[in-house]
Amino acid sequence: MNLPRKIFLAIIVVLIAAPIVSAHASLVRADPAPNSILPSAPKQIALTFDEAIDLSFSSVQVSDAARARVDTNFVTLAPNNAQEIRAPLKTLGNGTYSVVWKVLSAADGHITRGVYAFSVGEASAATPDATSESAASETAPLAIIARGVNLFALLALVGAVFFKEYLLTRSLRAVHADESRAEARWMQLAALACALLLASEIVRLALQANLVADGINPQTISQVLFDSRLGTVWILRFILIALAAFLLFRFSPRASILVSVLGALLLIFLY
């Protein structure tokens, strides 16, 4: 099987295998339910979402009216159900309790937060009318800039490859012009695109760590990379960037072009 056909089949496999996800994990059921008044104290909080949950950066905090925590600071997934998390509780007395939860979607890496209240015996404080839920903000100016630079560099890299192969080289050969100077300028453009792509990926990783772990430092970045499912995608991105750059500058022109385009397309599908 020749190289172009292998590239084509690889792209088809990626298109089939790579899911397209953009929504956040939303709470669909809670036990105890929001604003419920229970005759006896529950043993745990069970929250069910519409997406699978990554426990790495997910938490459930339950507090009484005096803001003292009554959970055990431990969260687990329900058996055979990655969409339900459970938090064991200490022994509860009568009164109103607030539940503050944060979950990381295993499907798209987005953080969602929420809060609600329930009561045991009788309500001792005002409870909210409904569950309060919100997605972590991903529209900060720096995040928008980093994403824009990332996409621009990615498109510039793909465009530079096609431009060189189908326009620049053929045009220079058609008029018997010297290709060395144009080749040097093209290499500078490709190197700049790779550098911008790598730098913007690092910035986006740091911002993602800030979203899910509420802080940017080596520890939180390491946790995102190695302790969550989302980290696998980030590691794959960095590997593909390095592979595309290596193939682009080290192998034969035709082979490097085809494989580099594959790497760029893989990045687009994982974007």
C-alpha atoms as a PDB file:
ATOM      1  CA  MET A   1       0.000   0.000   0.000  1.00  0.00           C
ATOM      2  CA  ASN A   2       1.499   3.341  -1.027  1.00  0.00           C
ATOM      3  CA  LEU A   3       1.981   6.248   1.357  1.00  0.00           C
ATOM      4  CA  PRO A   4      -0.897   8.457   0.103  1.00  0.00           C
ATOM      5  CA  ARG A   5      -3.343   5.590   0.531  1.00  0.00           C
ATOM      6  CA  LYS A   6      -2.077   4.921   4.067  1.00  0.00           C
ATOM      7  CA  ILE A   7      -2.490   8.613   4.880  1.00  0.00           C
ATOM      8  CA  PHE A   8      -6.021   8.600   3.500  1.00  0.00           C
ATOM      9  CA  LEU A   9      -7.029   5.535   5.534  1.00  0.00           C
ATOM     10  CA  ALA A  10      -5.489   7.006   8.692  1.00  0.00           C
ATOM     11  CA  ILE A  11      -7.501  10.202   8.235  1.00  0.00           C
ATOM     12  CA  ILE A  12     -10.710   8.185   7.753  1.00  0.00           C
ATOM     13  CA  VAL A  13     -10.023   6.221  10.952  1.00  0.00           C
ATOM     14  CA  VAL A  14      -9.448   9.436  12.879  1.00  0.00           C
ATOM     15  CA  LEU A  15     -12.630  10.978  11.483  1.00  0.00           C
ATOM     16  CA  ILE A  16     -14.634   7.956  12.611  1.00  0.00           C
ATOM     17  CA  ALA A  17     -12.943   7.571  16.004  1.00  0.00           C
ATOM     18  CA  ALA A  18     -12.685  11.191  17.108  1.00  0.00           C
ATOM     19  CA  PRO A  19     -15.911  12.305  18.813  1.00  0.00           C
ATOM     20  CA  ILE A  20     -17.158  15.873  18.462  1.00  0.00           C
ATOM     21  CA  VAL A  21     -18.076  17.203  21.900  1.00  0.00           C
ATOM     22  CA  SER A  22     -18.751  20.713  23.097  1.00  0.00           C
ATOM     23  CA  ALA A  23     -21.365  20.590  25.849  1.00  0.00           C
ATOM     24  CA  HIS A  24     -20.725  20.707  29.595  1.00  0.00           C
ATOM     25  CA  ALA A  25     -21.797  18.047  32.055  1.00  0.00           C
ATOM     26  CA  SER A  26     -25.235  19.045  33.371  1.00  0.00           C
ATOM     27  CA  LEU A  27     -26.875  17.733  36.514  1.00  0.00           C
ATOM     28  CA  VAL A  28     -29.925  15.636  35.626  1.00  0.00           C
ATOM     29  CA  ARG A  29     -30.728  14.047  39.006  1.00  0.00           C
ATOM     30  CA  ALA A  30     -29.761  14.539  42.631  1.00  0.00           C
ATOM     31  CA  ASP A  31     -30.489  12.407  45.685  1.00  0.00           C
ATOM     32  CA  PRO A  32     -31.465  14.044  48.007  1.00  0.00           C
ATOM     33  CA  ALA A  33     -33.270  16.302  45.561  1.00  0.00           C
ATOM     34  CA  PRO A  34     -32.923  20.099  45.663  1.00  0.00           C
ATOM     35  CA  ASN A  35     -35.190  21.769  48.240  1.00  0.00           C
ATOM     36  CA  SER A  36     -36.423  18.408  49.521  1.00  0.00           C
ATOM     37  CA  ILE A  37     -37.303  17.846  53.188  1.00  0.00           C
ATOM     38  CA  LEU A  38     -36.383  14.345  54.297  1.00  0.00           C
ATOM     39  CA  PRO A  39     -37.891  12.534  57.278  1.00  0.00           C
ATOM     40  CA  SER A  40     -34.521  10.896  58.072  1.00  0.00           C
ATOM     41  CA  ALA A  41     -30.878  11.728  57.369  1.00  0.00           C
ATOM     42  CA  PRO A  42     -29.352  10.414  54.129  1.00  0.00           C
ATOM     43  CA  LYS A  43     -26.138   8.387  54.151  1.00  0.00           C
ATOM     44  CA  GLN A  44     -24.729   9.904  50.967  1.00  0.00           C
ATOM     45  CA  ILE A  45     -25.203  12.446  48.187  1.00  0.00           C
ATOM     46  CA  ALA A  46     -25.702  10.955  44.715  1.00  0.00           C
ATOM     47  CA  LEU A  47     -25.443  13.236  41.673  1.00  0.00           C
ATOM     48  CA  THR A  48     -26.145  12.045  38.126  1.00  0.00           C
ATOM     49  CA  PHE A  49     -25.009  13.959  35.048  1.00  0.00           C
ATOM     50  CA  ASP A  50     -25.598  13.708  31.311  1.00  0.00           C
ATOM     51  CA  GLU A  51     -21.900  12.982  30.628  1.00  0.00           C
ATOM     52  CA  ALA A  52     -19.252  10.727  32.110  1.00  0.00           C
ATOM     53  CA  ILE A  53     -17.360  12.372  34.978  1.00  0.00           C
ATOM     54  CA  ASP A  54     -13.610  12.458  35.612  1.00  0.00           C
ATOM     55  CA  LEU A  55     -13.040  12.251  39.376  1.00  0.00           C
ATOM     56  CA  SER A  56      -9.600  13.884  39.162  1.00  0.00           C
ATOM     57  CA  PHE A  57     -10.917  17.410  39.671  1.00  0.00           C
ATOM     58  CA  SER A  58     -14.462  16.674  40.835  1.00  0.00           C
ATOM     59  CA  SER A  59     -15.673  17.338  44.369  1.00  0.00           C
ATOM     60  CA  VAL A  60     -18.796  17.463  46.538  1.00  0.00           C
ATOM     61  CA  GLN A  61     -18.931  19.547  49.719  1.00  0.00           C
ATOM     62  CA  VAL A  62     -21.907  19.365  52.092  1.00  0.00           C
ATOM     63  CA  SER A  63     -22.235  21.938  54.891  1.00  0.00           C
ATOM     64  CA  ASP A  64     -24.736  22.591  57.648  1.00  0.00           C
ATOM     65  CA  ALA A  65     -26.284  25.946  58.550  1.00  0.00           C
ATOM     66  CA  ALA A  66     -23.159  26.845  60.546  1.00  0.00           C
ATOM     67  CA  ARG A  67     -21.019  26.132  57.437  1.00  0.00           C
ATOM     68  CA  ALA A  68     -19.380  23.126  59.027  1.00  0.00           C
ATOM     69  CA  ARG A  69     -18.651  20.332  56.562  1.00  0.00           C
ATOM     70  CA  VAL A  70     -20.603  17.140  57.116  1.00  0.00           C
ATOM     71  CA  ASP A  71     -19.257  15.140  54.171  1.00  0.00           C
ATOM     72  CA  THR A  72     -16.250  12.817  54.417  1.00  0.00           C
ATOM     73  CA  ASN A  73     -14.228  14.659  51.739  1.00  0.00           C
ATOM     74  CA  PHE A  74     -14.398  11.568  49.547  1.00  0.00           C
ATOM     75  CA  VAL A  75     -16.083  11.132  46.163  1.00  0.00           C
ATOM     76  CA  THR A  76     -16.532   7.942  44.149  1.00  0.00           C
ATOM     77  CA  LEU A  77     -18.167   6.893  40.912  1.00  0.00           C
ATOM     78  CA  ALA A  78     -21.249   4.725  41.137  1.00  0.00           C
ATOM     79  CA  PRO A  79     -20.656   1.075  40.196  1.00  0.00           C
ATOM     80  CA  ASN A  80     -20.954   0.614  36.417  1.00  0.00           C
ATOM     81  CA  ASN A  81     -22.065   4.216  35.931  1.00  0.00           C
ATOM     82  CA  ALA A  82     -19.445   6.846  35.114  1.00  0.00           C
ATOM     83  CA  GLN A  83     -22.144   9.540  35.005  1.00  0.00           C
ATOM     84  CA  GLU A  84     -23.013   9.292  38.715  1.00  0.00           C
ATOM     85  CA  ILE A  85     -20.824  10.426  41.592  1.00  0.00           C
ATOM     86  CA  ARG A  86     -21.417   9.712  45.257  1.00  0.00           C
ATOM     87  CA  ALA A  87     -20.219  11.458  48.416  1.00  0.00           C
ATOM     88  CA  PRO A  88     -20.639   9.670  51.796  1.00  0.00           C
ATOM     89  CA  LEU A  89     -21.955  11.798  54.669  1.00  0.00           C
ATOM     90  CA  LYS A  90     -21.373  11.927  58.396  1.00  0.00           C
ATOM     91  CA  THR A  91     -24.331  11.475  60.735  1.00  0.00           C
ATOM     92  CA  LEU A  92     -26.712  14.382  60.113  1.00  0.00           C
ATOM     93  CA  GLY A  93     -29.144  15.972  62.536  1.00  0.00           C
ATOM     94  CA  ASN A  94     -32.251  17.949  61.695  1.00  0.00           C
ATOM     95  CA  GLY A  95     -31.659  21.128  59.739  1.00  0.00           C
ATOM     96  CA  THR A  96     -30.841  22.510  56.329  1.00  0.00           C
ATOM     97  CA  TYR A  97     -27.733  21.516  54.403  1.00  0.00           C
ATOM     98  CA  SER A  98     -26.097  22.979  51.322  1.00  0.00           C
ATOM     99  CA  VAL A  99     -24.456  20.879  48.612  1.00  0.00           C
ATOM    100  CA  VAL A 100     -21.676  22.498  46.572  1.00  0.00           C
ATOM    101  CA  TRP A 101     -20.408  20.362  43.707  1.00  0.00           C
ATOM    102  CA  LYS A 102     -17.825  20.682  40.961  1.00  0.00           C
ATOM    103  CA  VAL A 103     -17.318  18.130  38.191  1.00  0.00           C
ATOM    104  CA  LEU A 104     -14.890  17.693  35.321  1.00  0.00           C
ATOM    105  CA  SER A 105     -16.443  16.208  32.207  1.00  0.00           C
ATOM    106  CA  ALA A 106     -14.510  13.182  30.973  1.00  0.00           C
ATOM    107  CA  ALA A 107     -15.898  13.834  27.494  1.00  0.00           C
ATOM    108  CA  ASP A 108     -14.714  17.388  26.826  1.00  0.00           C
ATOM    109  CA  GLY A 109     -12.689  18.516  29.850  1.00  0.00           C
ATOM    110  CA  HIS A 110     -15.108  21.273  30.831  1.00  0.00           C
ATOM    111  CA  ILE A 111     -15.770  22.187  34.456  1.00  0.00           C
ATOM    112  CA  THR A 112     -19.321  22.681  35.772  1.00  0.00           C
ATOM    113  CA  ARG A 113     -20.229  23.905  39.250  1.00  0.00           C
ATOM    114  CA  GLY A 114     -23.495  23.939  41.148  1.00  0.00           C
ATOM    115  CA  VAL A 115     -25.127  24.374  44.542  1.00  0.00           C
ATOM    116  CA  TYR A 116     -28.437  23.381  46.079  1.00  0.00           C
ATOM    117  CA  ALA A 117     -29.974  22.763  49.509  1.00  0.00           C
ATOM    118  CA  PHE A 118     -31.996  20.059  51.221  1.00  0.00           C
ATOM    119  CA  SER A 119     -33.350  19.671  54.728  1.00  0.00           C
ATOM    120  CA  VAL A 120     -33.706  16.900  57.279  1.00  0.00           C
ATOM    121  CA  GLY A 121     -36.740  16.955  59.586  1.00  0.00           C
ATOM    122  CA  GLU A 122     -37.580  20.571  58.870  1.00  0.00           C
ATOM    123  CA  ALA A 123     -35.974  23.497  57.118  1.00  0.00           C
ATOM    124  CA  SER A 124     -33.913  25.720  59.401  1.00  0.00           C
ATOM    125  CA  ALA A 125     -32.832  28.239  56.772  1.00  0.00           C
ATOM    126  CA  ALA A 126     -34.087  29.663  53.521  1.00  0.00           C
ATOM    127  CA  THR A 127     -33.444  27.364  50.578  1.00  0.00           C
ATOM    128  CA  PRO A 128     -32.932  28.432  46.968  1.00  0.00           C
ATOM    129  CA  ASP A 129     -35.851  28.148  44.584  1.00  0.00           C
ATOM    130  CA  ALA A 130     -33.906  25.887  42.237  1.00  0.00           C
ATOM    131  CA  THR A 131     -30.541  24.338  41.669  1.00  0.00           C
ATOM    132  CA  SER A 132     -27.854  26.872  40.824  1.00  0.00           C
ATOM    133  CA  GLU A 133     -25.523  25.603  38.113  1.00  0.00           C
ATOM    134  CA  SER A 134     -22.858  27.283  35.988  1.00  0.00           C
ATOM    135  CA  ALA A 135     -20.012  26.349  33.684  1.00  0.00           C
ATOM    136  CA  ALA A 136     -16.499  27.584  34.376  1.00  0.00           C
ATOM    137  CA  SER A 137     -15.671  30.632  32.283  1.00  0.00           C
ATOM    138  CA  GLU A 138     -13.569  29.886  29.198  1.00  0.00           C
ATOM    139  CA  THR A 139     -13.974  33.317  27.623  1.00  0.00           C
ATOM    140  CA  ALA A 140     -11.257  35.215  29.471  1.00  0.00           C
ATOM    141  CA  PRO A 141      -9.293  37.541  27.131  1.00  0.00           C
ATOM    142  CA  LEU A 142      -6.086  35.528  27.453  1.00  0.00           C
ATOM    143  CA  ALA A 143      -7.927  32.276  26.715  1.00  0.00           C
ATOM    144  CA  ILE A 144      -9.510  33.791  23.593  1.00  0.00           C
ATOM    145  CA  ILE A 145      -6.136  35.126  22.405  1.00  0.00           C
ATOM    146  CA  ALA A 146      -4.378  31.811  23.041  1.00  0.00           C
ATOM    147  CA  ARG A 147      -7.062  29.862  21.197  1.00  0.00           C
ATOM    148  CA  GLY A 148      -6.939  32.320  18.297  1.00  0.00           C
ATOM    149  CA  VAL A 149      -3.143  32.127  18.018  1.00  0.00           C
ATOM    150  CA  ASN A 150      -3.347  28.336  18.265  1.00  0.00           C
ATOM    151  CA  LEU A 151      -5.841  28.084  15.423  1.00  0.00           C
ATOM    152  CA  PHE A 152      -3.965  30.657  13.315  1.00  0.00           C
ATOM    153  CA  ALA A 153      -0.665  28.780  13.718  1.00  0.00           C
ATOM    154  CA  LEU A 154      -2.322  25.479  12.912  1.00  0.00           C
ATOM    155  CA  LEU A 155      -3.913  26.812   9.750  1.00  0.00           C
ATOM    156  CA  ALA A 156      -0.689  28.607   8.799  1.00  0.00           C
ATOM    157  CA  LEU A 157       1.251  25.349   9.103  1.00  0.00           C
ATOM    158  CA  VAL A 158      -1.219  23.433   6.946  1.00  0.00           C
ATOM    159  CA  GLY A 159      -1.414  26.307   4.461  1.00  0.00           C
ATOM    160  CA  ALA A 160       2.356  26.619   4.230  1.00  0.00           C
ATOM    161  CA  VAL A 161       2.694  22.934   3.389  1.00  0.00           C
ATOM    162  CA  PHE A 162       0.132  23.053   0.600  1.00  0.00           C
ATOM    163  CA  PHE A 163       1.440  26.396  -0.678  1.00  0.00           C
ATOM    164  CA  LYS A 164       4.973  25.055  -1.001  1.00  0.00           C
ATOM    165  CA  GLU A 165       3.979  21.812  -2.676  1.00  0.00           C
ATOM    166  CA  TYR A 166       1.340  23.002  -5.102  1.00  0.00           C
ATOM    167  CA  LEU A 167       2.234  26.644  -5.804  1.00  0.00           C
ATOM    168  CA  LEU A 168       5.704  27.799  -4.778  1.00  0.00           C
ATOM    169  CA  THR A 169       7.849  24.884  -5.948  1.00  0.00           C
ATOM    170  CA  ARG A 170       5.955  24.336  -9.188  1.00  0.00           C
ATOM    171  CA  SER A 171       5.980  28.049 -10.050  1.00  0.00           C
ATOM    172  CA  LEU A 172       9.732  28.400  -9.447  1.00  0.00           C
ATOM    173  CA  ARG A 173      10.489  25.321 -11.504  1.00  0.00           C
ATOM    174  CA  ALA A 174       8.274  26.510 -14.303  1.00  0.00           C
ATOM    175  CA  VAL A 175      10.384  29.667 -14.720  1.00  0.00           C
ATOM    176  CA  HIS A 176      13.679  27.897 -13.823  1.00  0.00           C
ATOM    177  CA  ALA A 177      14.218  30.197 -10.832  1.00  0.00           C
ATOM    178  CA  ASP A 178      16.543  29.560  -7.903  1.00  0.00           C
ATOM    179  CA  GLU A 179      14.621  27.636  -5.232  1.00  0.00           C
ATOM    180  CA  SER A 180      17.141  27.931  -2.388  1.00  0.00           C
ATOM    181  CA  ARG A 181      16.139  31.408  -1.204  1.00  0.00           C
ATOM    182  CA  ALA A 182      12.426  30.651  -1.377  1.00  0.00           C
ATOM    183  CA  GLU A 183      13.056  27.358   0.430  1.00  0.00           C
ATOM    184  CA  ALA A 184      14.848  29.189   3.252  1.00  0.00           C
ATOM    185  CA  ARG A 185      11.998  31.699   3.640  1.00  0.00           C
ATOM    186  CA  TRP A 186       9.452  28.902   3.633  1.00  0.00           C
ATOM    187  CA  MET A 187      11.375  27.033   6.334  1.00  0.00           C
ATOM    188  CA  GLN A 188      11.366  30.191   8.465  1.00  0.00           C
ATOM    189  CA  LEU A 189       7.579  30.478   8.072  1.00  0.00           C
ATOM    190  CA  ALA A 190       7.032  26.805   8.940  1.00  0.00           C
ATOM    191  CA  ALA A 191       9.332  27.070  11.964  1.00  0.00           C
ATOM    192  CA  LEU A 192       7.473  30.163  13.190  1.00  0.00           C
ATOM    193  CA  ALA A 193       4.125  28.402  12.799  1.00  0.00           C
ATOM    194  CA  CYS A 194       5.400  25.390  14.774  1.00  0.00           C
ATOM    195  CA  ALA A 195       6.793  27.642  17.515  1.00  0.00           C
ATOM    196  CA  LEU A 196       3.524  29.591  17.812  1.00  0.00           C
ATOM    197  CA  LEU A 197       1.541  26.357  17.848  1.00  0.00           C
ATOM    198  CA  LEU A 198       3.655  24.910  20.649  1.00  0.00           C
ATOM    199  CA  ALA A 199       3.650  28.134  22.686  1.00  0.00           C
ATOM    200  CA  SER A 200      -0.123  28.580  22.402  1.00  0.00           C
ATOM    201  CA  GLU A 201      -0.686  24.941  23.418  1.00  0.00           C
ATOM    202  CA  ILE A 202       1.401  25.505  26.555  1.00  0.00           C
ATOM    203  CA  VAL A 203      -0.603  28.651  27.404  1.00  0.00           C
ATOM    204  CA  ARG A 204      -3.896  26.815  26.836  1.00  0.00           C
ATOM    205  CA  LEU A 205      -2.721  23.964  29.070  1.00  0.00           C
ATOM    206  CA  ALA A 206      -1.870  26.434  31.852  1.00  0.00           C
ATOM    207  CA  LEU A 207      -5.270  28.118  31.504  1.00  0.00           C
ATOM    208  CA  GLN A 208      -7.011  24.728  31.581  1.00  0.00           C
ATOM    209  CA  ALA A 209      -5.139  23.900  34.792  1.00  0.00           C
ATOM    210  CA  ASN A 210      -6.367  27.180  36.266  1.00  0.00           C
ATOM    211  CA  LEU A 211      -9.960  26.324  35.337  1.00  0.00           C
ATOM    212  CA  VAL A 212     -10.019  22.817  36.762  1.00  0.00           C
ATOM    213  CA  ALA A 213      -7.670  23.253  39.736  1.00  0.00           C
ATOM    214  CA  ASP A 214      -8.137  26.968  40.524  1.00  0.00           C
ATOM    215  CA  GLY A 215      -4.445  27.723  40.165  1.00  0.00           C
ATOM    216  CA  ILE A 216      -1.493  27.728  37.759  1.00  0.00           C
ATOM    217  CA  ASN A 217       1.626  26.039  39.076  1.00  0.00           C
ATOM    218  CA  PRO A 218       3.765  23.012  38.152  1.00  0.00           C
ATOM    219  CA  GLN A 219       1.737  20.759  40.432  1.00  0.00           C
ATOM    220  CA  THR A 220      -1.677  21.576  38.925  1.00  0.00           C
ATOM    221  CA  ILE A 221      -0.301  21.359  35.372  1.00  0.00           C
ATOM    222  CA  SER A 222       1.228  17.976  36.198  1.00  0.00           C
ATOM    223  CA  GLN A 223      -2.097  16.814  37.641  1.00  0.00           C
ATOM    224  CA  VAL A 224      -3.968  17.855  34.497  1.00  0.00           C
ATOM    225  CA  LEU A 225      -1.460  16.035  32.284  1.00  0.00           C
ATOM    226  CA  PHE A 226      -1.024  12.808  34.233  1.00  0.00           C
ATOM    227  CA  ASP A 227      -4.014  12.442  36.573  1.00  0.00           C
ATOM    228  CA  SER A 228      -6.957  13.077  34.253  1.00  0.00           C
ATOM    229  CA  ARG A 229      -8.336  11.684  31.022  1.00  0.00           C
ATOM    230  CA  LEU A 230      -8.050  15.147  29.524  1.00  0.00           C
ATOM    231  CA  GLY A 231      -4.291  14.965  30.026  1.00  0.00           C
ATOM    232  CA  THR A 232      -4.067  12.143  27.494  1.00  0.00           C
ATOM    233  CA  VAL A 233      -5.398  14.478  24.817  1.00  0.00           C
ATOM    234  CA  TRP A 234      -2.899  17.206  25.761  1.00  0.00           C
ATOM    235  CA  ILE A 235       0.009  14.756  25.684  1.00  0.00           C
ATOM    236  CA  LEU A 236      -1.135  13.508  22.277  1.00  0.00           C
ATOM    237  CA  ARG A 237      -1.287  17.083  21.014  1.00  0.00           C
ATOM    238  CA  PHE A 238       2.295  17.782  22.075  1.00  0.00           C
ATOM    239  CA  ILE A 239       3.502  14.512  20.548  1.00  0.00           C
ATOM    240  CA  LEU A 240       1.794  15.320  17.251  1.00  0.00           C
ATOM    241  CA  ILE A 241       3.270  18.825  17.165  1.00  0.00           C
ATOM    242  CA  ALA A 242       6.753  17.430  17.767  1.00  0.00           C
ATOM    243  CA  LEU A 243       6.244  14.659  15.229  1.00  0.00           C
ATOM    244  CA  ALA A 244       4.933  17.040  12.576  1.00  0.00           C
ATOM    245  CA  ALA A 245       7.864  19.418  13.095  1.00  0.00           C
ATOM    246  CA  PHE A 246      10.401  16.584  13.018  1.00  0.00           C
ATOM    247  CA  LEU A 247       9.002  15.073   9.837  1.00  0.00           C
ATOM    248  CA  LEU A 248       8.646  18.461   8.222  1.00  0.00           C
ATOM    249  CA  PHE A 249      12.308  19.366   8.582  1.00  0.00           C
ATOM    250  CA  ARG A 250      14.103  15.999   8.543  1.00  0.00           C
ATOM    251  CA  PHE A 251      12.576  13.729   5.923  1.00  0.00           C
ATOM    252  CA  SER A 252      12.201  13.803   2.158  1.00  0.00           C
ATOM    253  CA  PRO A 253      10.016  16.659   0.896  1.00  0.00           C
ATOM    254  CA  ARG A 254       7.149  14.531  -0.414  1.00  0.00           C
ATOM    255  CA  ALA A 255       6.967  12.202   2.595  1.00  0.00           C
ATOM    256  CA  SER A 256       7.344  15.036   5.102  1.00  0.00           C
ATOM    257  CA  ILE A 257       4.548  16.996   3.434  1.00  0.00           C
ATOM    258  CA  LEU A 258       2.068  14.132   3.523  1.00  0.00           C
ATOM    259  CA  VAL A 259       2.843  13.055   7.089  1.00  0.00           C
ATOM    260  CA  SER A 260       2.941  16.641   8.357  1.00  0.00           C
ATOM    261  CA  VAL A 261      -0.467  17.313   6.835  1.00  0.00           C
ATOM    262  CA  LEU A 262      -1.738  14.213   8.643  1.00  0.00           C
ATOM    263  CA  GLY A 263      -0.336  15.537  11.905  1.00  0.00           C
ATOM    264  CA  ALA A 264      -1.986  18.915  11.353  1.00  0.00           C
ATOM    265  CA  LEU A 265      -5.314  17.262  10.501  1.00  0.00           C
ATOM    266  CA  LEU A 266      -5.093  15.127  13.643  1.00  0.00           C
ATOM    267  CA  LEU A 267      -4.598  18.293  15.675  1.00  0.00           C
ATOM    268  CA  ILE A 268      -7.658  19.841  14.039  1.00  0.00           C
ATOM    269  CA  PHE A 269      -9.794  16.801  14.867  1.00  0.00           C
ATOM    270  CA  LEU A 270      -8.572  16.913  18.501  1.00  0.00           C
ATOM    271  CA  TYR A 271      -9.020  20.686  18.766  1.00  0.00           C
END
